[in-house]
PDB file of N, CA and C in Angstrom:
ATOM      1  N   MET A   1       0.839  -1.181   0.000  1.00  0.00           N
ATOM      2  CA  MET A   1       0.000   0.000   0.000  1.00  0.00           C
ATOM      3  C   MET A   1       0.881   1.240   0.000  1.00  0.00           C
ATOM      4  N   TYR A   2       0.585   2.152  -0.887  1.00  0.00           N
ATOM      5  CA  TYR A   2       1.303   3.418  -0.921  1.00  0.00           C
ATOM      6  C   TYR A   2       0.775   4.312   0.180  1.00  0.00           C
ATOM      7  N   GLU A   3       1.618   5.229   0.641  1.00  0.00           N
ATOM      8  CA  GLU A   3       1.196   6.142   1.702  1.00  0.00           C
ATOM      9  C   GLU A   3      -0.020   6.949   1.270  1.00  0.00           C
ATOM     10  N   THR A   4      -0.081   7.330  -0.015  1.00  0.00           N
ATOM     11  CA  THR A   4      -1.230   8.118  -0.478  1.00  0.00           C
ATOM     12  C   THR A   4      -2.515   7.318  -0.410  1.00  0.00           C
ATOM     13  N   ASP A   5      -2.427   5.987  -0.494  1.00  0.00           N
ATOM     14  CA  ASP A   5      -3.634   5.172  -0.390  1.00  0.00           C
ATOM     15  C   ASP A   5      -4.342   5.391   0.936  1.00  0.00           C
ATOM     16  N   ARG A   6      -3.563   5.594   1.994  1.00  0.00           N
ATOM     17  CA  ARG A   6      -4.172   5.823   3.300  1.00  0.00           C
ATOM     18  C   ARG A   6      -4.997   7.098   3.296  1.00  0.00           C
ATOM     19  N   GLY A   7      -4.491   8.131   2.636  1.00  0.00           N
ATOM     20  CA  GLY A   7      -5.235   9.387   2.535  1.00  0.00           C
ATOM     21  C   GLY A   7      -6.494   9.229   1.701  1.00  0.00           C
ATOM     22  N   ILE A   8      -6.392   8.474   0.639  1.00  0.00           N
ATOM     23  CA  ILE A   8      -7.559   8.216  -0.211  1.00  0.00           C
ATOM     24  C   ILE A   8      -8.592   7.414   0.556  1.00  0.00           C
ATOM     25  N   GLU A   9      -8.136   6.410   1.281  1.00  0.00           N
ATOM     26  CA  GLU A   9      -9.067   5.603   2.077  1.00  0.00           C
ATOM     27  C   GLU A   9      -9.715   6.435   3.180  1.00  0.00           C
ATOM     28  N   GLU A  10      -8.947   7.327   3.797  1.00  0.00           N
ATOM     29  CA  GLU A  10      -9.518   8.196   4.829  1.00  0.00           C
ATOM     30  C   GLU A  10     -10.576   9.115   4.227  1.00  0.00           C
ATOM     31  N   LEU A  11     -10.281   9.662   3.064  1.00  0.00           N
ATOM     32  CA  LEU A  11     -11.256  10.520   2.387  1.00  0.00           C
ATOM     33  C   LEU A  11     -12.547   9.767   2.117  1.00  0.00           C
ATOM     34  N   ALA A  12     -12.438   8.570   1.588  1.00  0.00           N
ATOM     35  CA  ALA A  12     -13.630   7.766   1.296  1.00  0.00           C
ATOM     36  C   ALA A  12     -14.396   7.426   2.571  1.00  0.00           C
ATOM     37  N   ARG A  13     -13.670   7.108   3.617  1.00  0.00           N
ATOM     38  CA  ARG A  13     -14.315   6.729   4.877  1.00  0.00           C
ATOM     39  C   ARG A  13     -14.999   7.929   5.541  1.00  0.00           C
ATOM     40  N   ARG A  14     -14.322   9.064   5.587  1.00  0.00           N
ATOM     41  CA  ARG A  14     -14.836  10.215   6.327  1.00  0.00           C
ATOM     42  C   ARG A  14     -15.829  11.052   5.538  1.00  0.00           C
ATOM     43  N   ARG A  15     -15.677  11.127   4.218  1.00  0.00           N
ATOM     44  CA  ARG A  15     -16.501  12.042   3.433  1.00  0.00           C
ATOM     45  C   ARG A  15     -17.147  11.381   2.228  1.00  0.00           C
ATOM     46  N   GLY A  16     -17.099  10.049   2.192  1.00  0.00           N
ATOM     47  CA  GLY A  16     -17.557   9.297   1.037  1.00  0.00           C
ATOM     48  C   GLY A  16     -19.026   9.449   0.695  1.00  0.00           C
ATOM     49  N   GLU A  17     -19.839   9.814   1.647  1.00  0.00           N
ATOM     50  CA  GLU A  17     -21.272   9.977   1.390  1.00  0.00           C
ATOM     51  C   GLU A  17     -21.636  11.376   0.907  1.00  0.00           C
ATOM     52  N   GLU A  18     -20.691  12.312   0.986  1.00  0.00           N
ATOM     53  CA  GLU A  18     -20.968  13.693   0.586  1.00  0.00           C
ATOM     54  C   GLU A  18     -20.937  13.846  -0.932  1.00  0.00           C
ATOM     55  N   GLN A  19     -21.661  14.822  -1.411  1.00  0.00           N
ATOM     56  CA  GLN A  19     -21.583  15.215  -2.809  1.00  0.00           C
ATOM     57  C   GLN A  19     -21.043  16.633  -2.845  1.00  0.00           C
ATOM     58  N   VAL A  20     -20.085  16.867  -3.731  1.00  0.00           N
ATOM     59  CA  VAL A  20     -19.475  18.187  -3.847  1.00  0.00           C
ATOM     60  C   VAL A  20     -19.454  18.598  -5.309  1.00  0.00           C
ATOM     61  N   SER A  21     -19.376  19.892  -5.530  1.00  0.00           N
ATOM     62  CA  SER A  21     -19.283  20.388  -6.901  1.00  0.00           C
ATOM     63  C   SER A  21     -17.816  20.406  -7.334  1.00  0.00           C
ATOM     64  N   LEU A  22     -17.621  20.413  -8.619  1.00  0.00           N
ATOM     65  CA  LEU A  22     -16.256  20.524  -9.126  1.00  0.00           C
ATOM     66  C   LEU A  22     -15.680  21.899  -8.816  1.00  0.00           C
ATOM     67  N   ALA A  23     -16.523  22.912  -8.734  1.00  0.00           N
ATOM     68  CA  ALA A  23     -16.054  24.244  -8.350  1.00  0.00           C
ATOM     69  C   ALA A  23     -15.511  24.220  -6.925  1.00  0.00           C
ATOM     70  N   TRP A  24     -16.182  23.509  -6.027  1.00  0.00           N
ATOM     71  CA  TRP A  24     -15.695  23.375  -4.649  1.00  0.00           C
ATOM     72  C   TRP A  24     -14.350  22.657  -4.646  1.00  0.00           C
ATOM     73  N   LEU A  25     -14.250  21.550  -5.376  1.00  0.00           N
ATOM     74  CA  LEU A  25     -13.005  20.791  -5.449  1.00  0.00           C
ATOM     75  C   LEU A  25     -11.873  21.659  -5.995  1.00  0.00           C
ATOM     76  N   ALA A  26     -12.149  22.410  -7.042  1.00  0.00           N
ATOM     77  CA  ALA A  26     -11.126  23.293  -7.621  1.00  0.00           C
ATOM     78  C   ALA A  26     -10.662  24.309  -6.585  1.00  0.00           C
ATOM     79  N   GLY A  27     -11.595  24.860  -5.827  1.00  0.00           N
ATOM     80  CA  GLY A  27     -11.230  25.811  -4.775  1.00  0.00           C
ATOM     81  C   GLY A  27     -10.369  25.176  -3.700  1.00  0.00           C
ATOM     82  N   GLN A  28     -10.687  23.937  -3.331  1.00  0.00           N
ATOM     83  CA  GLN A  28      -9.887  23.224  -2.337  1.00  0.00           C
ATOM     84  C   GLN A  28      -8.483  22.957  -2.865  1.00  0.00           C
ATOM     85  N   LEU A  29      -8.374  22.623  -4.145  1.00  0.00           N
ATOM     86  CA  LEU A  29      -7.055  22.381  -4.735  1.00  0.00           C
ATOM     87  C   LEU A  29      -6.231  23.660  -4.772  1.00  0.00           C
ATOM     88  N   VAL A  30      -6.865  24.782  -5.086  1.00  0.00           N
ATOM     89  CA  VAL A  30      -6.157  26.072  -5.086  1.00  0.00           C
ATOM     90  C   VAL A  30      -5.653  26.386  -3.680  1.00  0.00           C
ATOM     91  N   THR A  31      -6.502  26.197  -2.690  1.00  0.00           N
ATOM     92  CA  THR A  31      -6.095  26.441  -1.304  1.00  0.00           C
ATOM     93  C   THR A  31      -4.929  25.549  -0.915  1.00  0.00           C
ATOM     94  N   PHE A  32      -4.992  24.269  -1.296  1.00  0.00           N
ATOM     95  CA  PHE A  32      -3.913  23.335  -0.987  1.00  0.00           C
ATOM     96  C   PHE A  32      -2.604  23.792  -1.620  1.00  0.00           C
ATOM     97  N   VAL A  33      -2.650  24.204  -2.884  1.00  0.00           N
ATOM     98  CA  VAL A  33      -1.432  24.651  -3.565  1.00  0.00           C
ATOM     99  C   VAL A  33      -0.917  25.944  -2.938  1.00  0.00           C
ATOM    100  N   ASP A  34      -1.811  26.821  -2.502  1.00  0.00           N
ATOM    101  CA  ASP A  34      -1.367  28.038  -1.808  1.00  0.00           C
ATOM    102  C   ASP A  34      -0.593  27.688  -0.535  1.00  0.00           C
ATOM    103  N   LEU A  35      -1.044  26.649   0.168  1.00  0.00           N
ATOM    104  CA  LEU A  35      -0.384  26.224   1.404  1.00  0.00           C
ATOM    105  C   LEU A  35       0.861  25.380   1.149  1.00  0.00           C
ATOM    106  N   HIS A  36       0.891  24.691   0.003  1.00  0.00           N
ATOM    107  CA  HIS A  36       1.992  23.778  -0.327  1.00  0.00           C
ATOM    108  C   HIS A  36       2.448  24.016  -1.773  1.00  0.00           C
ATOM    109  N   PRO A  37       3.050  25.165  -2.041  1.00  0.00           N
ATOM    110  CA  PRO A  37       3.410  25.496  -3.436  1.00  0.00           C
ATOM    111  C   PRO A  37       4.370  24.496  -4.074  1.00  0.00           C
ATOM    112  N   GLU A  38       5.129  23.766  -3.277  1.00  0.00           N
ATOM    113  CA  GLU A  38       6.056  22.777  -3.838  1.00  0.00           C
ATOM    114  C   GLU A  38       5.312  21.609  -4.485  1.00  0.00           C
ATOM    115  N   LEU A  39       4.022  21.481  -4.217  1.00  0.00           N
ATOM    116  CA  LEU A  39       3.215  20.396  -4.792  1.00  0.00           C
ATOM    117  C   LEU A  39       2.318  20.871  -5.936  1.00  0.00           C
ATOM    118  N   GLU A  40       2.579  22.053  -6.451  1.00  0.00           N
ATOM    119  CA  GLU A  40       1.750  22.602  -7.520  1.00  0.00           C
ATOM    120  C   GLU A  40       1.725  21.707  -8.763  1.00  0.00           C
ATOM    121  N   ALA A  41       2.878  21.201  -9.180  1.00  0.00           N
ATOM    122  CA  ALA A  41       2.940  20.396 -10.401  1.00  0.00           C
ATOM    123  C   ALA A  41       2.077  19.137 -10.322  1.00  0.00           C
ATOM    124  N   PRO A  42       2.193  18.303  -9.279  1.00  0.00           N
ATOM    125  CA  PRO A  42       1.345  17.109  -9.249  1.00  0.00           C
ATOM    126  C   PRO A  42      -0.147  17.432  -9.102  1.00  0.00           C
ATOM    127  N   ILE A  43      -0.470  18.494  -8.369  1.00  0.00           N
ATOM    128  CA  ILE A  43      -1.879  18.874  -8.229  1.00  0.00           C
ATOM    129  C   ILE A  43      -2.416  19.353  -9.575  1.00  0.00           C
ATOM    130  N   ASP A  44      -1.612  20.107 -10.301  1.00  0.00           N
ATOM    131  CA  ASP A  44      -2.027  20.573 -11.622  1.00  0.00           C
ATOM    132  C   ASP A  44      -2.210  19.398 -12.579  1.00  0.00           C
ATOM    133  N   ARG A  45      -1.337  18.405 -12.497  1.00  0.00           N
ATOM    134  CA  ARG A  45      -1.479  17.204 -13.345  1.00  0.00           C
ATOM    135  C   ARG A  45      -2.753  16.447 -12.995  1.00  0.00           C
ATOM    136  N   LEU A  46      -3.053  16.318 -11.702  1.00  0.00           N
ATOM    137  CA  LEU A  46      -4.284  15.656 -11.279  1.00  0.00           C
ATOM    138  C   LEU A  46      -5.499  16.418 -11.795  1.00  0.00           C
ATOM    139  N   ALA A  47      -5.502  17.734 -11.649  1.00  0.00           N
ATOM    140  CA  ALA A  47      -6.630  18.538 -12.121  1.00  0.00           C
ATOM    141  C   ALA A  47      -6.813  18.396 -13.629  1.00  0.00           C
ATOM    142  N   SER A  48      -5.721  18.409 -14.371  1.00  0.00           N
ATOM    143  CA  SER A  48      -5.810  18.235 -15.832  1.00  0.00           C
ATOM    144  C   SER A  48      -6.356  16.857 -16.181  1.00  0.00           C
ATOM    145  N   TRP A  49      -5.911  15.841 -15.462  1.00  0.00           N
ATOM    146  CA  TRP A  49      -6.401  14.473 -15.707  1.00  0.00           C
ATOM    147  C   TRP A  49      -7.891  14.392 -15.411  1.00  0.00           C
ATOM    148  N   LEU A  50      -8.327  14.970 -14.295  1.00  0.00           N
ATOM    149  CA  LEU A  50      -9.754  14.956 -13.964  1.00  0.00           C
ATOM    150  C   LEU A  50     -10.572  15.717 -15.007  1.00  0.00           C
ATOM    151  N   ALA A  51     -10.039  16.836 -15.485  1.00  0.00           N
ATOM    152  CA  ALA A  51     -10.762  17.649 -16.468  1.00  0.00           C
ATOM    153  C   ALA A  51     -10.927  16.916 -17.793  1.00  0.00           C
ATOM    154  N   ARG A  52      -9.972  16.066 -18.134  1.00  0.00           N
ATOM    155  CA  ARG A  52      -9.976  15.404 -19.442  1.00  0.00           C
ATOM    156  C   ARG A  52     -10.370  13.926 -19.351  1.00  0.00           C
ATOM    157  N   ASP A  53     -10.863  13.494 -18.229  1.00  0.00           N
ATOM    158  CA  ASP A  53     -11.149  12.059 -18.003  1.00  0.00           C
ATOM    159  C   ASP A  53     -12.076  11.457 -19.056  1.00  0.00           C
ATOM    160  N   ASP A  54     -12.979  12.259 -19.617  1.00  0.00           N
ATOM    161  CA  ASP A  54     -13.921  11.701 -20.597  1.00  0.00           C
ATOM    162  C   ASP A  54     -13.448  11.898 -22.033  1.00  0.00           C
ATOM    163  N   ASP A  55     -12.267  12.479 -22.246  1.00  0.00           N
ATOM    164  CA  ASP A  55     -11.726  12.631 -23.596  1.00  0.00           C
ATOM    165  C   ASP A  55     -11.310  11.278 -24.132  1.00  0.00           C
ATOM    166  N   GLU A  56     -11.517  11.082 -25.415  1.00  0.00           N
ATOM    167  CA  GLU A  56     -11.088   9.832 -26.044  1.00  0.00           C
ATOM    168  C   GLU A  56      -9.694   9.961 -26.593  1.00  0.00           C
TER     169      GLU A  56
END
């Protein structure tokens, strides 16, 4: 198990029943990058992947 899996599992366990908008998620990602600018590149890659998930 990767360390990030624990965070993903915690998210699913603690907030898995909630529904959120993509605008809310984008705002949370911006806040995270503001607090952790050294992680901007991977967060930006994740956001791009999520934005294009339905592209063929």
